[in-house]
Amino acid sequence: MAGLIRDILATLSRDGAPARPAAAEQEALSRLDERLTSFTQSAPDGRAPMLIRPADCVVWDGNPRDQPGLNPDSCRSLIESIAAEGGNRIPVLVRLNADGSEQPYQLLVGSRRRFAIDWLNHNGRPELRLTALVVDLSDEEAFRLADIENRERADICELDRARSYQEAVDRFYGGVQSRMAEALGLSNSQLSRLLALAQLPQEVIGAFATKEELKVRYSELLTPLLRRTEQRADLIAEARRIGEEQQARAAGKGQMLPSATVLSRLREAAARRPRAATDIEILAGGERIGRARPAKGSIMLDVNIASDADLDALFATLRETILAARAMA
């Protein structure tokens, strides 16, 4: 079984594109789903899927999916499909939990299927069980597999994905961004942009009506402004005002400010103060490693490079900093 999963990790395309919205009648199978379904039909090594209760497994904490975000409405078509078929045709993937744990399994892939079976158990179908395959994978392999599945789903927001990547850099890849990018099939610049989204201040995140509205392309516009001390203060102050306005609108059941309006107001707030030729911080892993100073016709860089620095990630960061400095010169 582990060999099959590692083959999936090695051969599935990981282009990062989200799945197209599913038709109401039947959700289209992803490539990962197709491989798992094929395995359950043939069971080449004689190990057939097992049936477990949803309560027998706890969701692994390395999965980026927002579990509280799962609800009967968002999973309605899946619930109806499982109810009609008498179970989940596509198995979930679990691994054995640590000795002494309350639940015997950790759920690696299949959060929506687990939720659907659990909901049906509490709403008229107590006999249904969760079809599961037990695998033996490392944390890093489990993370890559969950990432493949979640990239193929439309209901994983970019902020949740970015936050999971931020945690994974240190947890699974020793803080080396280029190692993680290679493992996930991403360029260093793609990964840098996602990590920048995860590092946005909470005030900025709270200015948007929902976290689903916050996109990587927004962080690309806001991050350069946040690197300059005075503009950062103005931008965050405006973000607080917008956040309070959003809360008031929500309490009064009014229409929330759209993301385009929020972005425009934040950028305008940062642009109100005349831009002096102040330093731009160069950040790596959330820590300052140097500065860039725009000057007329040039950009001065002062960088402290550790002997074991991740050079690919550093070059990607320097490129983004230089572009930001050019825009502000």
Protein backbone atom coordinates (compact mmCIF):
# COMPACT_ATOMS: atom_id res chain seq x y z
CA MET A 1 0.00 0.00 0.00
CA ALA A 2 2.74 2.46 0.90
CA GLY A 3 4.31 1.72 -2.49
CA LEU A 4 1.09 2.66 -4.28
CA ILE A 5 0.79 5.93 -2.38
CA ARG A 6 4.43 6.82 -3.04
CA ASP A 7 3.82 6.08 -6.71
CA ILE A 8 0.88 8.49 -6.61
CA LEU A 9 3.11 11.12 -5.01
CA ALA A 10 5.70 10.64 -7.74
CA THR A 11 3.42 10.55 -10.77
CA LEU A 12 0.46 12.84 -10.15
CA SER A 13 0.71 16.27 -11.74
CA ARG A 14 1.06 18.97 -9.12
CA ASP A 15 0.37 22.16 -11.03
CA GLY A 16 -1.53 23.78 -8.17
CA ALA A 17 -4.66 24.43 -10.23
CA PRO A 18 -7.92 24.21 -8.27
CA ALA A 19 -10.61 21.84 -9.36
CA ARG A 20 -13.42 23.11 -11.55
CA PRO A 21 -16.76 23.44 -9.75
CA ALA A 22 -18.52 20.06 -9.64
CA ALA A 23 -21.80 19.45 -11.46
CA ALA A 24 -24.80 19.19 -9.13
CA GLU A 25 -25.47 15.60 -10.19
CA GLN A 26 -22.02 14.12 -9.56
CA GLU A 27 -18.69 15.50 -8.48
CA ALA A 28 -15.99 14.74 -11.02
CA LEU A 29 -13.27 12.42 -9.77
CA SER A 30 -9.83 13.91 -9.38
CA ARG A 31 -6.78 12.02 -10.51
CA LEU A 32 -6.06 11.08 -6.91
CA ASP A 33 -9.62 9.85 -6.46
CA GLU A 34 -9.36 7.78 -9.63
CA ARG A 35 -6.22 6.03 -8.37
CA LEU A 36 -7.78 5.27 -5.00
CA THR A 37 -11.01 4.01 -6.56
CA SER A 38 -9.02 1.80 -8.94
CA PHE A 39 -7.10 0.33 -6.02
CA THR A 40 -10.24 -0.57 -4.08
CA GLN A 41 -11.67 -2.32 -7.13
CA SER A 42 -8.57 -4.42 -7.82
CA ALA A 43 -6.87 -4.63 -4.38
CA PRO A 44 -3.64 -5.82 -6.05
CA ASP A 45 -1.83 -6.81 -2.88
CA GLY A 46 -4.81 -8.46 -1.25
CA ARG A 47 -5.43 -5.73 1.30
CA ALA A 48 -9.00 -4.61 0.83
CA PRO A 49 -10.34 -1.41 2.40
CA MET A 50 -11.71 -1.66 5.92
CA LEU A 51 -14.85 -0.16 7.45
CA ILE A 52 -14.44 2.15 10.45
CA ARG A 53 -16.60 4.62 12.33
CA PRO A 54 -15.91 8.31 11.74
CA ALA A 55 -15.22 8.60 15.47
CA ASP A 56 -12.40 6.05 15.12
CA CYS A 57 -10.15 8.64 13.46
CA VAL A 58 -8.93 12.11 14.30
CA VAL A 59 -7.96 14.50 11.51
CA TRP A 60 -4.18 14.78 11.27
CA ASP A 61 -3.06 18.26 12.30
CA GLY A 62 -0.88 18.66 9.21
CA ASN A 63 -3.91 18.85 6.91
CA PRO A 64 -4.65 22.44 5.82
CA ARG A 65 -8.39 21.95 5.46
CA ASP A 66 -10.44 24.12 7.82
CA GLN A 67 -12.48 21.44 9.59
CA PRO A 68 -15.01 23.85 11.19
CA GLY A 69 -15.68 25.14 7.70
CA LEU A 70 -17.25 21.81 6.69
CA ASN A 71 -21.03 21.90 7.00
CA PRO A 72 -24.09 20.10 5.56
CA ASP A 73 -24.63 22.80 2.94
CA SER A 74 -21.07 22.74 1.57
CA CYS A 75 -21.08 18.91 1.54
CA ARG A 76 -24.69 18.45 0.38
CA SER A 77 -24.00 16.77 -2.97
CA LEU A 78 -21.47 14.42 -1.36
CA ILE A 79 -23.88 13.53 1.47
CA GLU A 80 -26.60 12.72 -1.04
CA SER A 81 -24.23 10.63 -3.16
CA ILE A 82 -22.96 8.61 -0.18
CA ALA A 83 -26.49 8.08 1.11
CA ALA A 84 -27.61 6.78 -2.29
CA GLU A 85 -24.61 4.46 -2.68
CA GLY A 86 -24.64 3.21 0.92
CA GLY A 87 -21.13 4.41 1.68
CA ASN A 88 -18.14 6.29 0.31
CA ARG A 89 -16.98 4.77 -2.99
CA ILE A 90 -13.67 6.64 -2.80
CA PRO A 91 -11.81 5.48 0.32
CA VAL A 92 -10.25 7.82 2.84
CA LEU A 93 -6.61 7.32 3.83
CA VAL A 94 -5.70 6.79 7.47
CA ARG A 95 -2.64 5.70 9.39
CA LEU A 96 -2.28 4.21 12.84
CA ASN A 97 -2.37 6.72 15.66
CA ALA A 98 0.20 6.76 18.46
CA ASP A 99 -0.20 4.20 21.24
CA GLY A 100 -2.46 5.45 23.99
CA SER A 101 -4.48 7.76 21.74
CA GLU A 102 -8.24 7.83 22.14
CA GLN A 103 -8.82 7.18 18.43
CA PRO A 104 -6.91 4.36 16.73
CA TYR A 105 -6.41 6.20 13.42
CA GLN A 106 -5.28 9.54 12.00
CA LEU A 107 -7.19 10.74 8.94
CA LEU A 108 -4.77 11.91 6.23
CA VAL A 109 -7.03 12.29 3.18
CA GLY A 110 -10.82 12.44 2.99
CA SER A 111 -12.10 15.04 5.48
CA ARG A 112 -15.26 15.73 3.48
CA ARG A 113 -16.09 12.03 3.22
CA ARG A 114 -15.57 11.56 6.94
CA PHE A 115 -17.81 14.55 7.67
CA ALA A 116 -20.52 13.23 5.33
CA ILE A 117 -20.60 9.76 6.92
CA ASP A 118 -20.60 11.26 10.41
CA TRP A 119 -23.48 13.59 9.51
CA LEU A 120 -25.48 10.71 8.04
CA ASN A 121 -24.80 8.60 11.18
CA HIS A 122 -26.51 11.32 13.21
CA ASN A 123 -29.31 11.89 10.71
CA GLY A 124 -31.05 8.61 10.02
CA ARG A 125 -28.26 6.38 8.69
CA PRO A 126 -26.45 5.01 11.77
CA GLU A 127 -25.45 1.81 9.93
CA LEU A 128 -23.08 3.53 7.49
CA ARG A 129 -19.35 3.14 8.01
CA LEU A 130 -16.34 4.92 6.55
CA THR A 131 -14.43 2.98 3.89
CA ALA A 132 -10.74 3.47 4.65
CA LEU A 133 -7.30 2.35 3.50
CA VAL A 134 -4.56 2.11 6.12
CA VAL A 135 -1.20 3.46 4.93
CA ASP A 136 2.24 3.82 6.48
CA LEU A 137 3.58 7.25 5.56
CA SER A 138 5.93 9.78 7.12
CA ASP A 139 4.62 13.19 8.15
CA GLU A 140 6.25 14.80 5.11
CA GLU A 141 4.69 12.26 2.73
CA ALA A 142 1.32 12.70 4.42
CA PHE A 143 1.60 16.46 3.99
CA ARG A 144 2.38 16.15 0.28
CA LEU A 145 -0.51 13.77 -0.24
CA ALA A 146 -2.97 16.03 1.60
CA ASP A 147 -1.65 18.97 -0.42
CA ILE A 148 -2.31 17.14 -3.70
CA GLU A 149 -5.88 16.38 -2.66
CA ASN A 150 -6.58 19.88 -1.40
CA ARG A 151 -5.21 21.56 -4.53
CA GLU A 152 -7.80 19.61 -6.49
CA ARG A 153 -10.64 20.94 -4.32
CA ALA A 154 -12.33 24.30 -4.83
CA ASP A 155 -13.21 24.80 -1.15
CA ILE A 156 -9.69 25.25 0.25
CA CYS A 157 -9.05 28.97 0.47
CA GLU A 158 -5.66 30.43 -0.43
CA LEU A 159 -5.08 31.73 3.11
CA ASP A 160 -5.55 28.28 4.69
CA ARG A 161 -3.21 26.77 2.13
CA ALA A 162 -0.65 29.54 2.70
CA ARG A 163 -0.77 29.10 6.48
CA SER A 164 -0.26 25.36 6.17
CA TYR A 165 2.79 26.00 3.95
CA GLN A 166 4.18 28.49 6.47
CA GLU A 167 4.03 25.84 9.20
CA ALA A 168 5.30 23.08 6.93
CA VAL A 169 8.53 24.88 5.94
CA ASP A 170 9.93 24.45 9.45
CA ARG A 171 8.02 21.32 10.43
CA PHE A 172 8.86 19.13 7.44
CA TYR A 173 11.66 20.83 5.49
CA GLY A 174 14.04 22.17 8.13
CA GLY A 175 13.24 25.77 7.25
CA VAL A 176 14.65 25.35 3.72
CA GLN A 177 12.13 26.91 1.35
CA SER A 178 13.73 25.54 -1.83
CA ARG A 179 13.44 21.95 -0.50
CA MET A 180 9.74 22.44 0.07
CA ALA A 181 9.20 24.06 -3.31
CA GLU A 182 10.91 21.15 -5.07
CA ALA A 183 8.94 18.56 -3.09
CA LEU A 184 5.61 20.21 -3.93
CA GLY A 185 6.41 20.92 -7.57
CA LEU A 186 6.35 24.70 -7.09
CA SER A 187 8.79 27.40 -8.13
CA ASN A 188 10.51 29.35 -5.38
CA SER A 189 8.62 32.47 -6.43
CA GLN A 190 5.26 30.68 -6.22
CA LEU A 191 6.04 29.47 -2.73
CA SER A 192 7.36 32.89 -1.67
CA ARG A 193 4.11 34.53 -2.74
CA LEU A 194 2.06 32.04 -0.75
CA LEU A 195 4.23 32.51 2.34
CA ALA A 196 3.84 36.30 2.00
CA LEU A 197 0.08 35.83 2.17
CA ALA A 198 0.41 33.83 5.40
CA GLN A 199 2.53 36.60 6.93
CA LEU A 200 0.03 39.42 6.41
CA PRO A 201 -0.89 41.15 9.71
CA GLN A 202 -4.11 39.99 11.35
CA GLU A 203 -5.54 43.50 11.04
CA VAL A 204 -5.25 43.28 7.25
CA ILE A 205 -6.83 39.83 7.17
CA GLY A 206 -9.68 41.05 9.39
CA ALA A 207 -10.43 43.92 6.99
CA PHE A 208 -11.80 41.48 4.41
CA ALA A 209 -15.35 40.19 4.74
CA THR A 210 -14.17 36.57 4.76
CA LYS A 211 -10.79 34.90 4.63
CA GLU A 212 -11.85 33.28 1.36
CA GLU A 213 -11.74 36.72 -0.30
CA LEU A 214 -8.08 37.26 0.53
CA LYS A 215 -5.97 36.22 -2.46
CA VAL A 216 -2.27 35.78 -3.14
CA ARG A 217 -2.40 38.60 -5.68
CA TYR A 218 -3.56 40.97 -2.91
CA SER A 219 -0.57 40.16 -0.73
CA GLU A 220 1.69 40.88 -3.72
CA LEU A 221 0.30 44.43 -3.75
CA LEU A 222 0.21 44.97 0.02
CA THR A 223 3.46 43.33 1.17
CA PRO A 224 5.77 45.98 -0.37
CA LEU A 225 3.75 48.70 1.39
CA LEU A 226 3.95 46.88 4.71
CA ARG A 227 7.75 46.77 4.51
CA ARG A 228 8.02 50.54 4.90
CA THR A 229 7.56 51.67 8.50
CA GLU A 230 5.38 54.76 7.97
CA GLN A 231 3.25 53.23 5.24
CA ARG A 232 2.80 50.11 7.34
CA ALA A 233 1.41 52.15 10.23
CA ASP A 234 -1.03 53.99 7.95
CA LEU A 235 -2.13 50.80 6.20
CA ILE A 236 -2.73 48.88 9.44
CA ALA A 237 -4.64 51.81 10.95
CA GLU A 238 -6.93 51.83 7.92
CA ALA A 239 -7.28 48.04 8.14
CA ARG A 240 -8.52 48.40 11.72
CA ARG A 241 -11.08 50.99 10.65
CA ILE A 242 -12.28 48.77 7.81
CA GLY A 243 -12.48 45.77 10.14
CA GLU A 244 -14.65 47.70 12.58
CA GLU A 245 -16.86 48.83 9.72
CA GLN A 246 -17.20 45.26 8.48
CA GLN A 247 -18.23 44.10 11.95
CA ALA A 248 -20.83 46.87 12.19
CA ARG A 249 -22.20 45.95 8.78
CA ALA A 250 -22.37 42.26 9.75
CA ALA A 251 -24.15 43.07 13.03
CA GLY A 252 -26.67 45.20 11.18
CA LYS A 253 -27.03 42.57 8.48
CA GLY A 254 -25.82 45.07 5.93
CA GLN A 255 -23.82 44.36 2.82
CA MET A 256 -20.15 43.70 3.54
CA LEU A 257 -17.49 45.74 1.78
CA PRO A 258 -16.27 43.83 -1.31
CA SER A 259 -12.64 42.81 -1.52
CA ALA A 260 -11.87 45.28 -4.33
CA THR A 261 -13.03 48.17 -2.14
CA VAL A 262 -11.00 46.93 0.83
CA LEU A 263 -7.86 46.58 -1.27
CA SER A 264 -8.31 50.02 -2.79
CA ARG A 265 -8.76 51.69 0.61
CA LEU A 266 -5.70 49.98 2.06
CA ARG A 267 -3.51 51.04 -0.84
CA GLU A 268 -4.85 54.59 -0.74
CA ALA A 269 -4.11 54.81 2.99
CA ALA A 270 -0.50 53.83 2.38
CA ALA A 271 -0.19 56.35 -0.45
CA ARG A 272 -1.47 59.39 1.51
CA ARG A 273 1.86 60.05 3.20
CA PRO A 274 4.62 61.30 0.90
CA ARG A 275 7.04 58.49 0.24
CA ALA A 276 10.51 59.26 1.46
CA ALA A 277 13.51 57.20 0.47
CA THR A 278 13.35 55.05 3.59
CA ASP A 279 14.65 51.54 3.97
CA ILE A 280 12.70 48.50 2.87
CA GLU A 281 13.19 45.49 5.12
CA ILE A 282 14.43 42.28 3.51
CA LEU A 283 12.75 39.40 5.29
CA ALA A 284 13.47 35.66 5.24
CA GLY A 285 11.34 33.33 7.31
CA GLY A 286 9.79 36.32 9.06
CA GLU A 287 13.18 37.64 10.23
CA ARG A 288 15.00 40.72 8.96
CA ILE A 289 18.19 39.82 7.09
CA GLY A 290 18.92 43.17 5.51
CA ARG A 291 17.58 46.32 3.91
CA ALA A 292 17.07 47.92 0.52
CA ARG A 293 17.16 51.68 -0.01
CA PRO A 294 15.71 53.17 -3.19
CA ALA A 295 17.76 56.01 -4.63
CA LYS A 296 17.50 57.97 -7.82
CA GLY A 297 18.56 55.63 -10.59
CA SER A 298 19.75 52.87 -8.23
CA ILE A 299 18.88 50.57 -5.35
CA MET A 300 21.30 49.92 -2.50
CA LEU A 301 21.19 46.49 -0.86
CA ASP A 302 22.63 45.57 2.53
CA VAL A 303 22.15 41.87 3.24
CA ASN A 304 23.49 39.62 6.00
CA ILE A 305 23.72 36.14 4.46
CA ALA A 306 24.20 33.19 6.80
CA SER A 307 26.63 30.49 5.69
CA ASP A 308 23.83 27.92 5.54
CA ALA A 309 21.27 30.23 3.88
CA ASP A 310 18.82 28.79 1.37
CA LEU A 311 20.21 30.60 -1.69
CA ASP A 312 17.32 29.82 -4.04
CA ALA A 313 14.83 31.24 -1.57
CA LEU A 314 17.14 34.20 -0.88
CA PHE A 315 17.41 35.09 -4.57
CA ALA A 316 13.62 34.91 -4.93
CA THR A 317 13.23 37.25 -1.92
CA LEU A 318 15.83 39.69 -3.26
CA ARG A 319 14.08 39.80 -6.62
CA GLU A 320 10.75 40.67 -4.99
CA THR A 321 12.43 43.31 -2.81
CA ILE A 322 14.17 44.92 -5.78
CA LEU A 323 10.91 45.08 -7.72
CA ALA A 324 9.19 46.65 -4.72
CA ALA A 325 12.02 49.18 -4.34
CA ARG A 326 11.81 50.09 -8.01
CA ALA A 327 8.10 50.81 -7.65
CA MET A 328 8.75 53.09 -4.68
CA ALA A 329 11.87 54.91 -5.91
